[in-house]
Structures are given as C-alpha cells and as structure tokens.
Amino acid sequence: MSEISPAALRGAVDLSSLRNRPASPAEGAAAPSVVDVVVDATDESFGQILELSRTVPVVVDLWAEWCGPCKQLSPIIEKVTRELGGRVLLAKVDVDANPQLAQSFRAQSIPMVVALIAGQPVPMFTGAVPEQQVRDVFAQLLQVAAQNGVTGSLSVAQEGDAPEPPAEPELPPLHAEAFAAIEVGDYTAAIRAYEKALAENPRDEDALAGLGQVRLLDRVQGLDLQAARAAAAEGPRDAQAQFDVADLDLAGGHVEDAFARLLDLFAHLPADQRTPVRERLVELFGLIGAEDPRVVSARNRLSSLLF
C-alpha cells in the first residue's frame, strides 16, 4: 500500500452524482452533531455524509455480508474510529444493497476502504490488514486532512440523548481469545483458539467460520500478488501456486475467479491428486456461505467433474 499524500486528492472516484443531494442540516456548524461516529451509508443518505467530509475525514468501508475478510477488517476500523473521539467519521457501505455507491467508488474487490477529505477521495487499502497497519493509515489520513485544512471534530450525542444500543452478547472465552489474537495480527494463536473451540464443540458454527477466515488471512499475509500470479502461470498444475492465487483472489473479493481457478485445476489433475483441491474448494465454499449463488454454481460444476 502506498502512503497517503496530498497528491492522492485527484478525484479518481466519481462522486458527482452524489454531490447535489440535500446537504446535512448541520452544514456550516463548527461541530456538527451526530448520533454516532459509525454510520450505515446508503445511496440516498450519502450526500449528507459527503458534506461532513469538509469538517472531518470520512472513512468509507465498502463491504458485503458474504465477504469473510470484511468481517475481520470492519471491527478493527470501527474500533480505531471510536478511539479518535469524533475526529473521523466511518461510513459503512453494503455494496450489495447500494449499487450506486459501489459503482461510484469503482469497487472492483472488497473489503475496500477509501477516505474523503473535503469531498475528495483518498485511497487507503483494499483487503484485510492487521490492526497496526490500520492505525498507521489512520494517522497518515489525519496528517493529510490537516494539510488540506480539514481539522474539525464531530459532536457525538451524549448518554441520554439517544437510546443505548442493545449490549452485544459476551463472546465465549476461546472466541474472545481468537479475536484478541486477530486484532494484533497473531493468526497462529487465533487458529489454535478456534481449533480448541471446535474440539470442545464440533457443532460450533461460529468457530468453524472464524477458523476458515483466519486460516485464509494467515495464508495470504506476506504473499506478493504479482509473484504469486507469475508462479501460477509458470506452473498451471502446481497446486500450491494455484492455491496461493485463489486465496489472494478470495481475500480481495474476486470469489468467482478463485473458484474457477481451483475448478480448472481439479479438472486437469489425475484422480489421485484431486483430493487436496476438493478440500480447499470445500473450505472456501464455507467462507462464502452455502446459499451464495456463486457457491451453488461452483458446487454444481465440482459435482459434474466428480461424476
């Protein structure tokens, strides 16, 4: 990821269709008031959020329910945003429910995180990253905002001004241990915690899903995309090389590309070499969800190749 600099303020993202929406009622106020510094943004409400970027940097988190890496990254971004106490607003965009915003931000893969400073986009990162890297990028963002005269803060509604959100259920100890490890980028420790949880309860679906997601993150950290693609091109029957690119594709939101790559590999391998590929496909299916149409399609193709 390249560092954020004032030169990044180029308007590469097309937000023109969102600018003429009604401005926030708090426009022009020294400290606009918001109920929370983390908001759900929609195609209809984004014009008001865009106006707030003239007061504070607005971080836009583009995500989807089916995106495993999004579920790892979003809680970290929320945590860091809240710690900044109104100096940054986080706008969460479900790309499936808000296609106009997804198109405006040219979201080719998710998770994708972009900032807005005075209405202009600043690239941050694509794909899941560890907490320390998120903190570093937020620090750079605040520096760039200051250089561009955006140094305000938001007034967050105090206790009693709005109803308290329902308390989240407490995580089981091993799940909490896994989350704590993920936040510091210790994926090995997170894997061990989820494996212990599954040993205690093999039907623990949350642990199974978490284990698959953190294994993916562990596999892709340190991989170089260009080097991985070059190795896969040189070894079309090299299972590990194909696994690496499929993992990177899935982590970047290119779900169909990942499935197609492994299905093509499965189709061309001898029967006695297919098992690891089938097992990896099943693992990736679990990350996306059995009901997802891309999983259904890939499963159907896998079944046709098996029989």
C-alpha atoms as a PDB file:
ATOM      1  CA  MET A   1       0.000   0.000   0.000  1.00  0.00           C
ATOM      2  CA  SER A   2       1.345   3.407  -0.918  1.00  0.00           C
ATOM      3  CA  GLU A   3       1.365   6.156   1.692  1.00  0.00           C
ATOM      4  CA  ILE A   4      -1.405   8.721   1.637  1.00  0.00           C
ATOM      5  CA  SER A   5      -0.222  12.089   0.341  1.00  0.00           C
ATOM      6  CA  PRO A   6      -1.874  15.327  -0.788  1.00  0.00           C
ATOM      7  CA  ALA A   7      -1.231  14.196  -4.356  1.00  0.00           C
ATOM      8  CA  ALA A   8      -3.799  11.448  -3.768  1.00  0.00           C
ATOM      9  CA  LEU A   9      -6.584  14.056  -3.826  1.00  0.00           C
ATOM     10  CA  ARG A  10      -7.280  13.620  -7.522  1.00  0.00           C
ATOM     11  CA  GLY A  11     -10.982  12.853  -7.669  1.00  0.00           C
ATOM     12  CA  ALA A  12     -10.374   9.418  -9.209  1.00  0.00           C
ATOM     13  CA  VAL A  13     -13.682   8.281  -7.748  1.00  0.00           C
ATOM     14  CA  ASP A  14     -16.796   9.616  -9.443  1.00  0.00           C
ATOM     15  CA  LEU A  15     -18.951  11.191  -6.730  1.00  0.00           C
ATOM     16  CA  SER A  16     -20.599  13.808  -8.950  1.00  0.00           C
ATOM     17  CA  SER A  17     -23.992  12.115  -8.813  1.00  0.00           C
ATOM     18  CA  LEU A  18     -23.972  12.343  -5.029  1.00  0.00           C
ATOM     19  CA  ARG A  19     -22.929  15.976  -4.612  1.00  0.00           C
ATOM     20  CA  ASN A  20     -26.244  17.598  -5.433  1.00  0.00           C
ATOM     21  CA  ARG A  21     -28.212  15.739  -2.806  1.00  0.00           C
ATOM     22  CA  PRO A  22     -29.577  17.855   0.098  1.00  0.00           C
ATOM     23  CA  ALA A  23     -26.806  18.910   2.450  1.00  0.00           C
ATOM     24  CA  SER A  24     -26.691  17.942   6.101  1.00  0.00           C
ATOM     25  CA  PRO A  25     -28.804  20.236   8.290  1.00  0.00           C
ATOM     26  CA  ALA A  26     -25.664  20.826  10.353  1.00  0.00           C
ATOM     27  CA  GLU A  27     -23.738  22.174   7.375  1.00  0.00           C
ATOM     28  CA  GLY A  28     -21.645  25.170   8.386  1.00  0.00           C
ATOM     29  CA  ALA A  29     -21.724  24.393  12.110  1.00  0.00           C
ATOM     30  CA  ALA A  30     -18.380  24.390  13.896  1.00  0.00           C
ATOM     31  CA  ALA A  31     -19.033  20.968  15.394  1.00  0.00           C
ATOM     32  CA  PRO A  32     -21.806  19.072  13.589  1.00  0.00           C
ATOM     33  CA  SER A  33     -23.674  16.722  15.886  1.00  0.00           C
ATOM     34  CA  VAL A  34     -24.039  13.043  15.064  1.00  0.00           C
ATOM     35  CA  VAL A  35     -25.623  10.197  16.968  1.00  0.00           C
ATOM     36  CA  ASP A  36     -22.582   8.008  16.351  1.00  0.00           C
ATOM     37  CA  VAL A  37     -19.211   8.222  14.595  1.00  0.00           C
ATOM     38  CA  VAL A  38     -20.012   4.936  12.848  1.00  0.00           C
ATOM     39  CA  VAL A  39     -22.949   5.127  10.428  1.00  0.00           C
ATOM     40  CA  ASP A  40     -24.524   2.951   7.759  1.00  0.00           C
ATOM     41  CA  ALA A  41     -24.386   4.836   4.468  1.00  0.00           C
ATOM     42  CA  THR A  42     -26.881   4.345   1.642  1.00  0.00           C
ATOM     43  CA  ASP A  43     -27.261   5.607  -1.908  1.00  0.00           C
ATOM     44  CA  GLU A  44     -29.857   8.057  -0.575  1.00  0.00           C
ATOM     45  CA  SER A  45     -28.015   9.350   2.522  1.00  0.00           C
ATOM     46  CA  PHE A  46     -24.506   9.668   1.161  1.00  0.00           C
ATOM     47  CA  GLY A  47     -24.875  13.289   0.047  1.00  0.00           C
ATOM     48  CA  GLN A  48     -25.128  14.382   3.681  1.00  0.00           C
ATOM     49  CA  ILE A  49     -22.122  12.259   4.648  1.00  0.00           C
ATOM     50  CA  LEU A  50     -20.135  13.794   1.799  1.00  0.00           C
ATOM     51  CA  GLU A  51     -20.785  17.257   3.276  1.00  0.00           C
ATOM     52  CA  LEU A  52     -19.403  16.157   6.652  1.00  0.00           C
ATOM     53  CA  SER A  53     -16.057  15.404   4.943  1.00  0.00           C
ATOM     54  CA  ARG A  54     -15.489  19.177   4.919  1.00  0.00           C
ATOM     55  CA  THR A  55     -15.324  19.047   8.724  1.00  0.00           C
ATOM     56  CA  VAL A  56     -13.647  15.695   9.404  1.00  0.00           C
ATOM     57  CA  PRO A  57     -12.175  12.929   7.239  1.00  0.00           C
ATOM     58  CA  VAL A  58     -14.843  10.389   6.321  1.00  0.00           C
ATOM     59  CA  VAL A  59     -13.635   6.788   6.042  1.00  0.00           C
ATOM     60  CA  VAL A  60     -15.800   4.692   3.715  1.00  0.00           C
ATOM     61  CA  ASP A  61     -15.780   0.933   4.372  1.00  0.00           C
ATOM     62  CA  LEU A  62     -17.226  -0.979   1.392  1.00  0.00           C
ATOM     63  CA  TRP A  63     -18.265  -4.465   2.489  1.00  0.00           C
ATOM     64  CA  ALA A  64     -20.780  -7.275   1.927  1.00  0.00           C
ATOM     65  CA  GLU A  65     -22.325  -9.931   4.124  1.00  0.00           C
ATOM     66  CA  TRP A  66     -20.709 -12.749   2.124  1.00  0.00           C
ATOM     67  CA  CYS A  67     -17.210 -11.260   2.402  1.00  0.00           C
ATOM     68  CA  GLY A  68     -15.184 -13.121   5.048  1.00  0.00           C
ATOM     69  CA  PRO A  69     -12.223 -10.683   5.121  1.00  0.00           C
ATOM     70  CA  CYS A  70     -14.705  -7.813   5.596  1.00  0.00           C
ATOM     71  CA  LYS A  71     -15.832  -9.418   8.854  1.00  0.00           C
ATOM     72  CA  GLN A  72     -12.236  -9.362  10.078  1.00  0.00           C
ATOM     73  CA  LEU A  73     -11.416  -5.818   8.959  1.00  0.00           C
ATOM     74  CA  SER A  74     -14.614  -3.878   9.773  1.00  0.00           C
ATOM     75  CA  PRO A  75     -14.485  -4.335  13.580  1.00  0.00           C
ATOM     76  CA  ILE A  76     -10.890  -3.072  13.597  1.00  0.00           C
ATOM     77  CA  ILE A  77     -11.809   0.037  11.599  1.00  0.00           C
ATOM     78  CA  GLU A  78     -14.764   0.703  13.920  1.00  0.00           C
ATOM     79  CA  LYS A  79     -12.556   0.355  16.999  1.00  0.00           C
ATOM     80  CA  VAL A  80      -9.920   2.772  15.706  1.00  0.00           C
ATOM     81  CA  THR A  81     -12.580   5.272  14.586  1.00  0.00           C
ATOM     82  CA  ARG A  82     -14.253   5.336  18.003  1.00  0.00           C
ATOM     83  CA  GLU A  83     -10.923   5.835  19.752  1.00  0.00           C
ATOM     84  CA  LEU A  84     -10.425   9.063  17.759  1.00  0.00           C
ATOM     85  CA  GLY A  85     -13.391  10.658  19.528  1.00  0.00           C
ATOM     86  CA  GLY A  86     -15.109  12.466  16.655  1.00  0.00           C
ATOM     87  CA  ARG A  87     -12.051  13.361  14.574  1.00  0.00           C
ATOM     88  CA  VAL A  88     -13.098  10.787  11.930  1.00  0.00           C
ATOM     89  CA  LEU A  89     -16.491   9.549  10.715  1.00  0.00           C
ATOM     90  CA  LEU A  90     -16.824   5.951   9.497  1.00  0.00           C
ATOM     91  CA  ALA A  91     -19.439   5.329   6.789  1.00  0.00           C
ATOM     92  CA  LYS A  92     -20.181   1.629   6.198  1.00  0.00           C
ATOM     93  CA  VAL A  93     -21.499   0.767   2.732  1.00  0.00           C
ATOM     94  CA  ASP A  94     -23.096  -2.599   1.957  1.00  0.00           C
ATOM     95  CA  VAL A  95     -22.210  -2.850  -1.742  1.00  0.00           C
ATOM     96  CA  ASP A  96     -24.998  -5.344  -2.463  1.00  0.00           C
ATOM     97  CA  ALA A  97     -27.672  -3.018  -1.068  1.00  0.00           C
ATOM     98  CA  ASN A  98     -26.150   0.180  -2.513  1.00  0.00           C
ATOM     99  CA  PRO A  99     -25.055  -0.456  -6.106  1.00  0.00           C
ATOM    100  CA  GLN A 100     -24.762   3.250  -6.982  1.00  0.00           C
ATOM    101  CA  LEU A 101     -22.167   3.814  -4.267  1.00  0.00           C
ATOM    102  CA  ALA A 102     -20.295   0.643  -5.238  1.00  0.00           C
ATOM    103  CA  GLN A 103     -20.158   1.911  -8.816  1.00  0.00           C
ATOM    104  CA  SER A 104     -19.155   5.431  -7.767  1.00  0.00           C
ATOM    105  CA  PHE A 105     -16.212   4.091  -5.761  1.00  0.00           C
ATOM    106  CA  ARG A 106     -15.295   1.612  -8.523  1.00  0.00           C
ATOM    107  CA  ALA A 107     -15.280  -1.235  -6.020  1.00  0.00           C
ATOM    108  CA  GLN A 108     -13.624  -3.993  -8.040  1.00  0.00           C
ATOM    109  CA  SER A 109     -12.942  -6.020  -4.884  1.00  0.00           C
ATOM    110  CA  ILE A 110     -13.818  -5.813  -1.192  1.00  0.00           C
ATOM    111  CA  PRO A 111     -13.126  -5.041   1.542  1.00  0.00           C
ATOM    112  CA  MET A 112     -12.194  -1.677   0.061  1.00  0.00           C
ATOM    113  CA  VAL A 113     -11.541   1.366   2.259  1.00  0.00           C
ATOM    114  CA  VAL A 114     -11.469   4.902   0.865  1.00  0.00           C
ATOM    115  CA  ALA A 115     -11.361   8.208   2.728  1.00  0.00           C
ATOM    116  CA  LEU A 116     -12.995  11.508   1.774  1.00  0.00           C
ATOM    117  CA  ILE A 117     -11.373  14.850   2.627  1.00  0.00           C
ATOM    118  CA  ALA A 118     -13.377  17.937   1.669  1.00  0.00           C
ATOM    119  CA  GLY A 119     -15.364  15.832  -0.758  1.00  0.00           C
ATOM    120  CA  GLN A 120     -12.286  14.374  -2.477  1.00  0.00           C
ATOM    121  CA  PRO A 121     -11.348  10.664  -2.318  1.00  0.00           C
ATOM    122  CA  VAL A 122      -8.127   9.386  -0.784  1.00  0.00           C
ATOM    123  CA  PRO A 123      -7.229   5.682  -1.333  1.00  0.00           C
ATOM    124  CA  MET A 124      -6.481   3.777   1.860  1.00  0.00           C
ATOM    125  CA  PHE A 125      -6.350  -0.005   1.342  1.00  0.00           C
ATOM    126  CA  THR A 126      -8.041  -2.999  -0.257  1.00  0.00           C
ATOM    127  CA  GLY A 127      -8.274  -6.351   1.508  1.00  0.00           C
ATOM    128  CA  ALA A 128      -7.988  -7.271   5.179  1.00  0.00           C
ATOM    129  CA  VAL A 129      -4.998  -5.834   7.047  1.00  0.00           C
ATOM    130  CA  PRO A 130      -3.824  -6.132  10.686  1.00  0.00           C
ATOM    131  CA  GLU A 131      -4.807  -3.565  13.307  1.00  0.00           C
ATOM    132  CA  GLN A 132      -1.417  -1.858  13.495  1.00  0.00           C
ATOM    133  CA  GLN A 133      -1.483  -1.153   9.763  1.00  0.00           C
ATOM    134  CA  VAL A 134      -4.992   0.299  10.115  1.00  0.00           C
ATOM    135  CA  ARG A 135      -3.741   2.593  12.885  1.00  0.00           C
ATOM    136  CA  ASP A 136      -0.775   3.700  10.787  1.00  0.00           C
ATOM    137  CA  VAL A 137      -3.009   4.556   7.817  1.00  0.00           C
ATOM    138  CA  PHE A 138      -5.460   6.488  10.004  1.00  0.00           C
ATOM    139  CA  ALA A 139      -2.549   8.519  11.396  1.00  0.00           C
ATOM    140  CA  GLN A 140      -1.445   9.345   7.827  1.00  0.00           C
ATOM    141  CA  LEU A 141      -5.027  10.266   6.954  1.00  0.00           C
ATOM    142  CA  LEU A 142      -5.267  12.804   9.784  1.00  0.00           C
ATOM    143  CA  GLN A 143      -1.977  14.364   8.662  1.00  0.00           C
ATOM    144  CA  VAL A 144      -3.244  14.774   5.096  1.00  0.00           C
ATOM    145  CA  ALA A 145      -6.557  16.160   6.377  1.00  0.00           C
ATOM    146  CA  ALA A 146      -4.686  18.779   8.410  1.00  0.00           C
ATOM    147  CA  GLN A 147      -2.585  19.722   5.376  1.00  0.00           C
ATOM    148  CA  ASN A 148      -5.839  20.314   3.488  1.00  0.00           C
ATOM    149  CA  GLY A 149      -7.495  22.362   6.233  1.00  0.00           C
ATOM    150  CA  VAL A 150      -9.866  19.645   7.491  1.00  0.00           C
ATOM    151  CA  THR A 151      -9.223  19.707  11.227  1.00  0.00           C
ATOM    152  CA  GLY A 152     -12.693  19.777  12.786  1.00  0.00           C
ATOM    153  CA  SER A 153     -14.437  17.282  15.024  1.00  0.00           C
ATOM    154  CA  LEU A 154     -17.930  15.904  15.415  1.00  0.00           C
ATOM    155  CA  SER A 155     -20.065  16.335  18.499  1.00  0.00           C
ATOM    156  CA  VAL A 156     -21.308  12.891  19.453  1.00  0.00           C
ATOM    157  CA  ALA A 157     -24.654  12.647  21.238  1.00  0.00           C
ATOM    158  CA  GLN A 158     -24.119  12.194  24.958  1.00  0.00           C
ATOM    159  CA  GLU A 159     -25.609   9.448  27.068  1.00  0.00           C
ATOM    160  CA  GLY A 160     -29.334  10.022  27.397  1.00  0.00           C
ATOM    161  CA  ASP A 161     -29.625  11.883  24.093  1.00  0.00           C
ATOM    162  CA  ALA A 162     -30.274   8.664  22.206  1.00  0.00           C
ATOM    163  CA  PRO A 163     -31.310   5.167  23.199  1.00  0.00           C
ATOM    164  CA  GLU A 164     -28.479   2.856  24.097  1.00  0.00           C
ATOM    165  CA  PRO A 165     -27.865   0.112  21.545  1.00  0.00           C
ATOM    166  CA  PRO A 166     -28.510  -3.378  22.876  1.00  0.00           C
ATOM    167  CA  ALA A 167     -25.495  -4.901  24.564  1.00  0.00           C
ATOM    168  CA  GLU A 168     -23.700  -7.441  22.445  1.00  0.00           C
ATOM    169  CA  PRO A 169     -23.627 -10.932  23.917  1.00  0.00           C
ATOM    170  CA  GLU A 170     -20.372 -11.796  25.609  1.00  0.00           C
ATOM    171  CA  LEU A 171     -18.096 -13.970  23.481  1.00  0.00           C
ATOM    172  CA  PRO A 172     -17.183 -17.439  24.703  1.00  0.00           C
ATOM    173  CA  PRO A 173     -13.648 -17.409  26.182  1.00  0.00           C
ATOM    174  CA  LEU A 174     -11.962 -19.167  23.255  1.00  0.00           C
ATOM    175  CA  HIS A 175     -13.727 -16.934  20.728  1.00  0.00           C
ATOM    176  CA  ALA A 176     -12.616 -13.870  22.690  1.00  0.00           C
ATOM    177  CA  GLU A 177      -9.082 -15.253  22.725  1.00  0.00           C
ATOM    178  CA  ALA A 178      -9.204 -15.690  18.937  1.00  0.00           C
ATOM    179  CA  PHE A 179     -10.484 -12.143  18.372  1.00  0.00           C
ATOM    180  CA  ALA A 180      -7.779 -10.685  20.608  1.00  0.00           C
ATOM    181  CA  ALA A 181      -5.139 -12.567  18.613  1.00  0.00           C
ATOM    182  CA  ILE A 182      -6.600 -11.391  15.295  1.00  0.00           C
ATOM    183  CA  GLU A 183      -6.506  -7.766  16.427  1.00  0.00           C
ATOM    184  CA  VAL A 184      -2.730  -7.957  16.946  1.00  0.00           C
ATOM    185  CA  GLY A 185      -2.166  -9.961  13.749  1.00  0.00           C
ATOM    186  CA  ASP A 186      -1.301 -13.231  15.532  1.00  0.00           C
ATOM    187  CA  TYR A 187      -3.230 -15.541  13.242  1.00  0.00           C
ATOM    188  CA  THR A 188      -1.461 -18.677  14.516  1.00  0.00           C
ATOM    189  CA  ALA A 189      -2.781 -18.057  18.029  1.00  0.00           C
ATOM    190  CA  ALA A 190      -6.252 -17.322  16.648  1.00  0.00           C
ATOM    191  CA  ILE A 191      -6.245 -20.611  14.721  1.00  0.00           C
ATOM    192  CA  ARG A 192      -5.280 -22.512  17.882  1.00  0.00           C
ATOM    193  CA  ALA A 193      -8.107 -20.871  19.838  1.00  0.00           C
ATOM    194  CA  TYR A 194     -10.727 -21.705  17.210  1.00  0.00           C
ATOM    195  CA  GLU A 195      -9.428 -25.268  16.919  1.00  0.00           C
ATOM    196  CA  LYS A 196      -9.784 -25.667  20.695  1.00  0.00           C
ATOM    197  CA  ALA A 197     -13.330 -24.339  20.496  1.00  0.00           C
ATOM    198  CA  LEU A 198     -14.193 -26.880  17.796  1.00  0.00           C
ATOM    199  CA  ALA A 199     -12.577 -29.684  19.798  1.00  0.00           C
ATOM    200  CA  GLU A 200     -14.911 -28.790  22.672  1.00  0.00           C
ATOM    201  CA  ASN A 201     -17.950 -28.384  20.407  1.00  0.00           C
ATOM    202  CA  PRO A 202     -17.665 -29.708  16.833  1.00  0.00           C
ATOM    203  CA  ARG A 203     -21.042 -28.064  16.035  1.00  0.00           C
ATOM    204  CA  ASP A 204     -19.808 -24.565  16.873  1.00  0.00           C
ATOM    205  CA  GLU A 205     -20.587 -22.908  13.519  1.00  0.00           C
ATOM    206  CA  ASP A 206     -19.148 -19.524  14.556  1.00  0.00           C
ATOM    207  CA  ALA A 207     -15.843 -21.166  15.450  1.00  0.00           C
ATOM    208  CA  LEU A 208     -15.826 -23.083  12.170  1.00  0.00           C
ATOM    209  CA  ALA A 209     -16.463 -19.913  10.167  1.00  0.00           C
ATOM    210  CA  GLY A 210     -13.890 -17.976  12.166  1.00  0.00           C
ATOM    211  CA  LEU A 211     -11.309 -20.718  11.692  1.00  0.00           C
ATOM    212  CA  GLY A 212     -11.770 -20.658   7.924  1.00  0.00           C
ATOM    213  CA  GLN A 213     -11.468 -16.873   7.782  1.00  0.00           C
ATOM    214  CA  VAL A 214      -8.370 -16.655   9.929  1.00  0.00           C
ATOM    215  CA  ARG A 215      -6.683 -19.513   8.065  1.00  0.00           C
ATOM    216  CA  LEU A 216      -7.226 -17.542   4.875  1.00  0.00           C
ATOM    217  CA  LEU A 217      -5.730 -14.410   6.410  1.00  0.00           C
ATOM    218  CA  ASP A 218      -2.778 -16.420   7.713  1.00  0.00           C
ATOM    219  CA  ARG A 219      -2.124 -17.908   4.286  1.00  0.00           C
ATOM    220  CA  VAL A 220      -2.235 -14.625   2.376  1.00  0.00           C
ATOM    221  CA  GLN A 221      -0.168 -12.478   4.714  1.00  0.00           C
ATOM    222  CA  GLY A 222       3.255 -12.000   3.202  1.00  0.00           C
ATOM    223  CA  LEU A 223       2.196 -13.223  -0.248  1.00  0.00           C
ATOM    224  CA  ASP A 224       3.134 -10.986  -3.164  1.00  0.00           C
ATOM    225  CA  LEU A 225       0.307 -10.908  -5.692  1.00  0.00           C
ATOM    226  CA  GLN A 226       2.481 -10.395  -8.771  1.00  0.00           C
ATOM    227  CA  ALA A 227       4.951 -13.102  -7.736  1.00  0.00           C
ATOM    228  CA  ALA A 228       2.104 -15.496  -6.923  1.00  0.00           C
ATOM    229  CA  ARG A 229       0.430 -14.932 -10.292  1.00  0.00           C
ATOM    230  CA  ALA A 230       3.738 -15.409 -12.093  1.00  0.00           C
ATOM    231  CA  ALA A 231       4.327 -18.705 -10.280  1.00  0.00           C
ATOM    232  CA  ALA A 232       0.799 -19.880 -11.086  1.00  0.00           C
ATOM    233  CA  ALA A 233       1.246 -19.002 -14.754  1.00  0.00           C
ATOM    234  CA  GLU A 234       4.524 -20.929 -14.897  1.00  0.00           C
ATOM    235  CA  GLY A 235       3.046 -23.948 -13.104  1.00  0.00           C
ATOM    236  CA  PRO A 236      -0.568 -24.410 -14.192  1.00  0.00           C
ATOM    237  CA  ARG A 237      -0.642 -27.826 -12.494  1.00  0.00           C
ATOM    238  CA  ASP A 238       1.257 -26.684  -9.391  1.00  0.00           C
ATOM    239  CA  ALA A 239      -1.456 -26.982  -6.740  1.00  0.00           C
ATOM    240  CA  GLN A 240       0.238 -24.740  -4.158  1.00  0.00           C
ATOM    241  CA  ALA A 241       0.826 -21.991  -6.710  1.00  0.00           C
ATOM    242  CA  GLN A 242      -2.837 -22.108  -7.719  1.00  0.00           C
ATOM    243  CA  PHE A 243      -3.925 -22.213  -4.062  1.00  0.00           C
ATOM    244  CA  ASP A 244      -1.946 -19.023  -3.363  1.00  0.00           C
ATOM    245  CA  VAL A 245      -3.606 -17.055  -6.157  1.00  0.00           C
ATOM    246  CA  ALA A 246      -7.061 -18.407  -5.298  1.00  0.00           C
ATOM    247  CA  ASP A 247      -6.569 -17.311  -1.679  1.00  0.00           C
ATOM    248  CA  LEU A 248      -5.486 -13.847  -2.767  1.00  0.00           C
ATOM    249  CA  ASP A 249      -8.446 -13.583  -5.141  1.00  0.00           C
ATOM    250  CA  LEU A 250     -10.908 -14.597  -2.426  1.00  0.00           C
ATOM    251  CA  ALA A 251      -9.357 -12.224   0.131  1.00  0.00           C
ATOM    252  CA  GLY A 252      -9.694  -9.446  -2.442  1.00  0.00           C
ATOM    253  CA  GLY A 253     -13.351 -10.236  -3.142  1.00  0.00           C
ATOM    254  CA  HIS A 254     -12.807 -11.976  -6.514  1.00  0.00           C
ATOM    255  CA  VAL A 255     -14.831 -15.008  -5.446  1.00  0.00           C
ATOM    256  CA  GLU A 256     -15.743 -16.397  -8.865  1.00  0.00           C
ATOM    257  CA  ASP A 257     -12.132 -16.108 -10.080  1.00  0.00           C
ATOM    258  CA  ALA A 258     -10.903 -18.091  -7.078  1.00  0.00           C
ATOM    259  CA  PHE A 259     -13.455 -20.857  -7.608  1.00  0.00           C
ATOM    260  CA  ALA A 260     -12.856 -21.037 -11.364  1.00  0.00           C
ATOM    261  CA  ARG A 261      -9.093 -21.344 -10.874  1.00  0.00           C
ATOM    262  CA  LEU A 262      -9.395 -24.285  -8.484  1.00  0.00           C
ATOM    263  CA  LEU A 263     -12.114 -25.996 -10.513  1.00  0.00           C
ATOM    264  CA  ASP A 264      -9.958 -25.761 -13.645  1.00  0.00           C
ATOM    265  CA  LEU A 265      -7.050 -27.248 -11.680  1.00  0.00           C
ATOM    266  CA  PHE A 266      -9.285 -30.042 -10.364  1.00  0.00           C
ATOM    267  CA  ALA A 267     -10.476 -30.846 -13.892  1.00  0.00           C
ATOM    268  CA  HIS A 268      -6.936 -31.302 -15.244  1.00  0.00           C
ATOM    269  CA  LEU A 269      -5.347 -33.242 -12.379  1.00  0.00           C
ATOM    270  CA  PRO A 270      -5.209 -37.047 -12.218  1.00  0.00           C
ATOM    271  CA  ALA A 271      -7.808 -38.579  -9.908  1.00  0.00           C
ATOM    272  CA  ASP A 272      -5.208 -39.475  -7.248  1.00  0.00           C
ATOM    273  CA  GLN A 273      -4.106 -35.803  -6.951  1.00  0.00           C
ATOM    274  CA  ARG A 274      -7.511 -34.178  -6.706  1.00  0.00           C
ATOM    275  CA  THR A 275      -8.328 -34.569  -3.007  1.00  0.00           C
ATOM    276  CA  PRO A 276      -6.407 -31.524  -1.690  1.00  0.00           C
ATOM    277  CA  VAL A 277      -8.044 -29.333  -4.348  1.00  0.00           C
ATOM    278  CA  ARG A 278     -11.521 -30.573  -3.456  1.00  0.00           C
ATOM    279  CA  GLU A 279     -10.831 -29.996   0.243  1.00  0.00           C
ATOM    280  CA  ARG A 280      -9.626 -26.449  -0.399  1.00  0.00           C
ATOM    281  CA  LEU A 281     -12.716 -25.725  -2.501  1.00  0.00           C
ATOM    282  CA  VAL A 282     -14.997 -27.007   0.261  1.00  0.00           C
ATOM    283  CA  GLU A 283     -13.161 -24.807   2.769  1.00  0.00           C
ATOM    284  CA  LEU A 284     -13.596 -21.727   0.574  1.00  0.00           C
ATOM    285  CA  PHE A 285     -17.263 -22.570  -0.020  1.00  0.00           C
ATOM    286  CA  GLY A 286     -17.721 -22.445   3.735  1.00  0.00           C
ATOM    287  CA  LEU A 287     -16.243 -18.950   3.895  1.00  0.00           C
ATOM    288  CA  ILE A 288     -18.733 -17.540   1.400  1.00  0.00           C
ATOM    289  CA  GLY A 289     -21.817 -19.471   2.504  1.00  0.00           C
ATOM    290  CA  ALA A 290     -23.740 -22.425   1.110  1.00  0.00           C
ATOM    291  CA  GLU A 291     -26.651 -20.269  -0.121  1.00  0.00           C
ATOM    292  CA  ASP A 292     -24.497 -17.859  -2.135  1.00  0.00           C
ATOM    293  CA  PRO A 293     -25.266 -18.336  -5.865  1.00  0.00           C
ATOM    294  CA  ARG A 294     -21.538 -18.395  -6.690  1.00  0.00           C
ATOM    295  CA  VAL A 295     -21.054 -21.276  -4.279  1.00  0.00           C
ATOM    296  CA  VAL A 296     -24.082 -23.101  -5.678  1.00  0.00           C
ATOM    297  CA  SER A 297     -22.721 -22.736  -9.213  1.00  0.00           C
ATOM    298  CA  ALA A 298     -19.224 -23.864  -8.233  1.00  0.00           C
ATOM    299  CA  ARG A 299     -20.589 -26.846  -6.278  1.00  0.00           C
ATOM    300  CA  ASN A 300     -22.605 -27.912  -9.302  1.00  0.00           C
ATOM    301  CA  ARG A 301     -19.522 -27.786 -11.503  1.00  0.00           C
ATOM    302  CA  LEU A 302     -17.496 -29.703  -8.907  1.00  0.00           C
ATOM    303  CA  SER A 303     -20.197 -32.390  -8.768  1.00  0.00           C
ATOM    304  CA  SER A 304     -20.174 -32.719 -12.558  1.00  0.00           C
ATOM    305  CA  LEU A 305     -16.382 -33.140 -12.500  1.00  0.00           C
ATOM    306  CA  LEU A 306     -16.608 -35.791  -9.791  1.00  0.00           C
ATOM    307  CA  PHE A 307     -19.271 -37.863 -11.517  1.00  0.00           C
END
